């Protein structure tokens, strides 16, 4: 079975993702699309 390499995101990237997701008009899916990542990441 192949192992998947996990992506390490910087602290700054994570903080921005949280900041965006806390906005009232944003969904997790829309934030993920803006950041170029899969919504399940």
PDB file of N, CA and C in Angstrom:
ATOM      1  N   UNK A   1       0.843  -1.178   0.000  1.00  0.00           N
ATOM      2  CA  UNK A   1       0.000   0.000   0.000  1.00  0.00           C
ATOM      3  C   UNK A   1       0.890   1.244   0.000  1.00  0.00           C
ATOM      4  N   UNK A   2       0.548   2.177  -0.839  1.00  0.00           N
ATOM      5  CA  UNK A   2       1.321   3.417  -0.947  1.00  0.00           C
ATOM      6  C   UNK A   2       0.960   4.369   0.186  1.00  0.00           C
ATOM      7  N   UNK A   3       1.958   5.029   0.698  1.00  0.00           N
ATOM      8  CA  UNK A   3       1.727   6.034   1.738  1.00  0.00           C
ATOM      9  C   UNK A   3       1.670   7.400   1.081  1.00  0.00           C
ATOM     10  N   UNK A   4       0.760   8.210   1.550  1.00  0.00           N
ATOM     11  CA  UNK A   4       0.623   9.566   1.023  1.00  0.00           C
ATOM     12  C   UNK A   4       1.482  10.509   1.844  1.00  0.00           C
ATOM     13  N   UNK A   5       2.174  11.385   1.169  1.00  0.00           N
ATOM     14  CA  UNK A   5       2.962  12.398   1.859  1.00  0.00           C
ATOM     15  C   UNK A   5       2.026  13.523   2.273  1.00  0.00           C
ATOM     16  N   UNK A   6       2.088  13.914   3.517  1.00  0.00           N
ATOM     17  CA  UNK A   6       1.231  14.998   3.986  1.00  0.00           C
ATOM     18  C   UNK A   6       1.906  16.341   3.725  1.00  0.00           C
ATOM     19  N   UNK A   7       1.086  17.312   3.421  1.00  0.00           N
ATOM     20  CA  UNK A   7       1.563  18.665   3.150  1.00  0.00           C
ATOM     21  C   UNK A   7       1.721  19.410   4.469  1.00  0.00           C
ATOM     22  N   UNK A   8       2.852  20.035   4.661  1.00  0.00           N
ATOM     23  CA  UNK A   8       3.072  20.849   5.849  1.00  0.00           C
ATOM     24  C   UNK A   8       2.785  22.303   5.493  1.00  0.00           C
ATOM     25  N   UNK A   9       1.807  22.888   6.148  1.00  0.00           N
ATOM     26  CA  UNK A   9       1.440  24.277   5.893  1.00  0.00           C
ATOM     27  C   UNK A   9       2.079  25.163   6.950  1.00  0.00           C
ATOM     28  N   UNK A  10       2.525  26.328   6.527  1.00  0.00           N
ATOM     29  CA  UNK A  10       3.178  27.258   7.447  1.00  0.00           C
ATOM     30  C   UNK A  10       2.172  27.797   8.464  1.00  0.00           C
ATOM     31  N   UNK A  11       2.703  28.291   9.540  1.00  0.00           N
ATOM     32  CA  UNK A  11       1.872  28.897  10.582  1.00  0.00           C
ATOM     33  C   UNK A  11       1.085  30.075  10.007  1.00  0.00           C
ATOM     34  N   UNK A  12       1.732  30.862   9.159  1.00  0.00           N
ATOM     35  CA  UNK A  12       1.074  32.015   8.537  1.00  0.00           C
ATOM     36  C   UNK A  12      -0.092  31.565   7.655  1.00  0.00           C
ATOM     37  N   UNK A  13       0.104  30.510   6.874  1.00  0.00           N
ATOM     38  CA  UNK A  13      -0.954  29.980   6.010  1.00  0.00           C
ATOM     39  C   UNK A  13      -2.139  29.520   6.859  1.00  0.00           C
ATOM     40  N   UNK A  14      -1.852  28.824   7.938  1.00  0.00           N
ATOM     41  CA  UNK A  14      -2.917  28.324   8.816  1.00  0.00           C
ATOM     42  C   UNK A  14      -3.688  29.467   9.471  1.00  0.00           C
ATOM     43  N   UNK A  15      -2.964  30.475   9.917  1.00  0.00           N
ATOM     44  CA  UNK A  15      -3.631  31.633  10.537  1.00  0.00           C
ATOM     45  C   UNK A  15      -4.552  32.335   9.541  1.00  0.00           C
ATOM     46  N   UNK A  16      -4.088  32.480   8.299  1.00  0.00           N
ATOM     47  CA  UNK A  16      -4.901  33.120   7.267  1.00  0.00           C
ATOM     48  C   UNK A  16      -6.137  32.275   6.965  1.00  0.00           C
ATOM     49  N   UNK A  17      -5.982  30.969   6.926  1.00  0.00           N
ATOM     50  CA  UNK A  17      -7.122  30.082   6.674  1.00  0.00           C
ATOM     51  C   UNK A  17      -8.166  30.231   7.779  1.00  0.00           C
ATOM     52  N   UNK A  18      -7.726  30.290   9.018  1.00  0.00           N
ATOM     53  CA  UNK A  18      -8.653  30.464  10.143  1.00  0.00           C
ATOM     54  C   UNK A  18      -9.313  31.833  10.077  1.00  0.00           C
ATOM     55  N   UNK A  19      -8.526  32.868   9.788  1.00  0.00           N
ATOM     56  CA  UNK A  19      -9.084  34.223   9.697  1.00  0.00           C
ATOM     57  C   UNK A  19     -10.172  34.283   8.621  1.00  0.00           C
ATOM     58  N   UNK A  20      -9.900  33.716   7.468  1.00  0.00           N
ATOM     59  CA  UNK A  20     -10.881  33.727   6.385  1.00  0.00           C
ATOM     60  C   UNK A  20     -12.130  32.937   6.756  1.00  0.00           C
ATOM     61  N   UNK A  21     -11.942  31.802   7.406  1.00  0.00           N
ATOM     62  CA  UNK A  21     -13.098  30.963   7.741  1.00  0.00           C
ATOM     63  C   UNK A  21     -13.967  31.590   8.825  1.00  0.00           C
ATOM     64  N   UNK A  22     -13.408  32.523   9.587  1.00  0.00           N
ATOM     65  CA  UNK A  22     -14.184  33.207  10.627  1.00  0.00           C
ATOM     66  C   UNK A  22     -15.047  34.341  10.072  1.00  0.00           C
ATOM     67  N   UNK A  23     -14.841  34.717   8.818  1.00  0.00           N
ATOM     68  CA  UNK A  23     -15.658  35.773   8.219  1.00  0.00           C
ATOM     69  C   UNK A  23     -17.091  35.273   8.048  1.00  0.00           C
ATOM     70  N   UNK A  24     -18.073  36.138   8.297  1.00  0.00           N
ATOM     71  CA  UNK A  24     -19.476  35.691   8.289  1.00  0.00           C
ATOM     72  C   UNK A  24     -19.979  35.178   6.946  1.00  0.00           C
ATOM     73  N   UNK A  25     -19.432  35.644   5.848  1.00  0.00           N
ATOM     74  CA  UNK A  25     -19.941  35.237   4.533  1.00  0.00           C
ATOM     75  C   UNK A  25     -19.118  34.126   3.882  1.00  0.00           C
ATOM     76  N   UNK A  26     -18.217  33.501   4.631  1.00  0.00           N
ATOM     77  CA  UNK A  26     -17.333  32.488   4.063  1.00  0.00           C
ATOM     78  C   UNK A  26     -17.689  31.093   4.565  1.00  0.00           C
ATOM     79  N   UNK A  27     -17.632  30.138   3.646  1.00  0.00           N
ATOM     80  CA  UNK A  27     -17.791  28.731   4.013  1.00  0.00           C
ATOM     81  C   UNK A  27     -16.414  28.074   3.946  1.00  0.00           C
ATOM     82  N   UNK A  28     -16.295  26.909   4.559  1.00  0.00           N
ATOM     83  CA  UNK A  28     -15.026  26.183   4.507  1.00  0.00           C
ATOM     84  C   UNK A  28     -14.653  25.864   3.063  1.00  0.00           C
ATOM     85  N   UNK A  29     -15.643  25.532   2.262  1.00  0.00           N
ATOM     86  CA  UNK A  29     -15.390  25.203   0.861  1.00  0.00           C
ATOM     87  C   UNK A  29     -14.871  26.409   0.089  1.00  0.00           C
ATOM     88  N   UNK A  30     -15.474  27.573   0.294  1.00  0.00           N
ATOM     89  CA  UNK A  30     -15.025  28.765  -0.436  1.00  0.00           C
ATOM     90  C   UNK A  30     -13.624  29.191   0.002  1.00  0.00           C
ATOM     91  N   UNK A  31     -13.323  29.049   1.286  1.00  0.00           N
ATOM     92  CA  UNK A  31     -11.983  29.381   1.777  1.00  0.00           C
ATOM     93  C   UNK A  31     -10.963  28.423   1.159  1.00  0.00           C
ATOM     94  N   UNK A  32     -11.282  27.144   1.134  1.00  0.00           N
ATOM     95  CA  UNK A  32     -10.376  26.155   0.548  1.00  0.00           C
ATOM     96  C   UNK A  32     -10.106  26.468  -0.919  1.00  0.00           C
ATOM     97  N   UNK A  33     -11.136  26.831  -1.651  1.00  0.00           N
ATOM     98  CA  UNK A  33     -10.961  27.179  -3.065  1.00  0.00           C
ATOM     99  C   UNK A  33     -10.053  28.395  -3.215  1.00  0.00           C
ATOM    100  N   UNK A  34     -10.239  29.392  -2.379  1.00  0.00           N
ATOM    101  CA  UNK A  34      -9.400  30.594  -2.438  1.00  0.00           C
ATOM    102  C   UNK A  34      -7.937  30.270  -2.151  1.00  0.00           C
ATOM    103  N   UNK A  35      -7.721  29.328  -1.235  1.00  0.00           N
ATOM    104  CA  UNK A  35      -6.362  28.974  -0.839  1.00  0.00           C
ATOM    105  C   UNK A  35      -5.743  27.902  -1.734  1.00  0.00           C
ATOM    106  N   UNK A  36      -6.548  27.336  -2.620  1.00  0.00           N
ATOM    107  CA  UNK A  36      -6.035  26.327  -3.540  1.00  0.00           C
ATOM    108  C   UNK A  36      -5.812  24.967  -2.916  1.00  0.00           C
ATOM    109  N   UNK A  37      -6.616  24.647  -1.905  1.00  0.00           N
ATOM    110  CA  UNK A  37      -6.508  23.339  -1.263  1.00  0.00           C
ATOM    111  C   UNK A  37      -7.850  22.627  -1.321  1.00  0.00           C
ATOM    112  N   UNK A  38      -7.831  21.323  -1.073  1.00  0.00           N
ATOM    113  CA  UNK A  38      -9.055  20.534  -1.054  1.00  0.00           C
ATOM    114  C   UNK A  38      -9.805  20.856   0.239  1.00  0.00           C
ATOM    115  N   UNK A  39     -11.137  20.945   0.200  1.00  0.00           N
ATOM    116  CA  UNK A  39     -11.910  21.287   1.403  1.00  0.00           C
ATOM    117  C   UNK A  39     -11.711  20.332   2.580  1.00  0.00           C
ATOM    118  N   UNK A  40     -11.305  19.105   2.320  1.00  0.00           N
ATOM    119  CA  UNK A  40     -11.099  18.141   3.407  1.00  0.00           C
ATOM    120  C   UNK A  40      -9.720  18.233   4.037  1.00  0.00           C
ATOM    121  N   UNK A  41      -8.870  19.109   3.575  1.00  0.00           N
ATOM    122  CA  UNK A  41      -7.532  19.209   4.143  1.00  0.00           C
ATOM    123  C   UNK A  41      -7.603  20.031   5.356  1.00  0.00           C
TER     124      UNK A  41
END
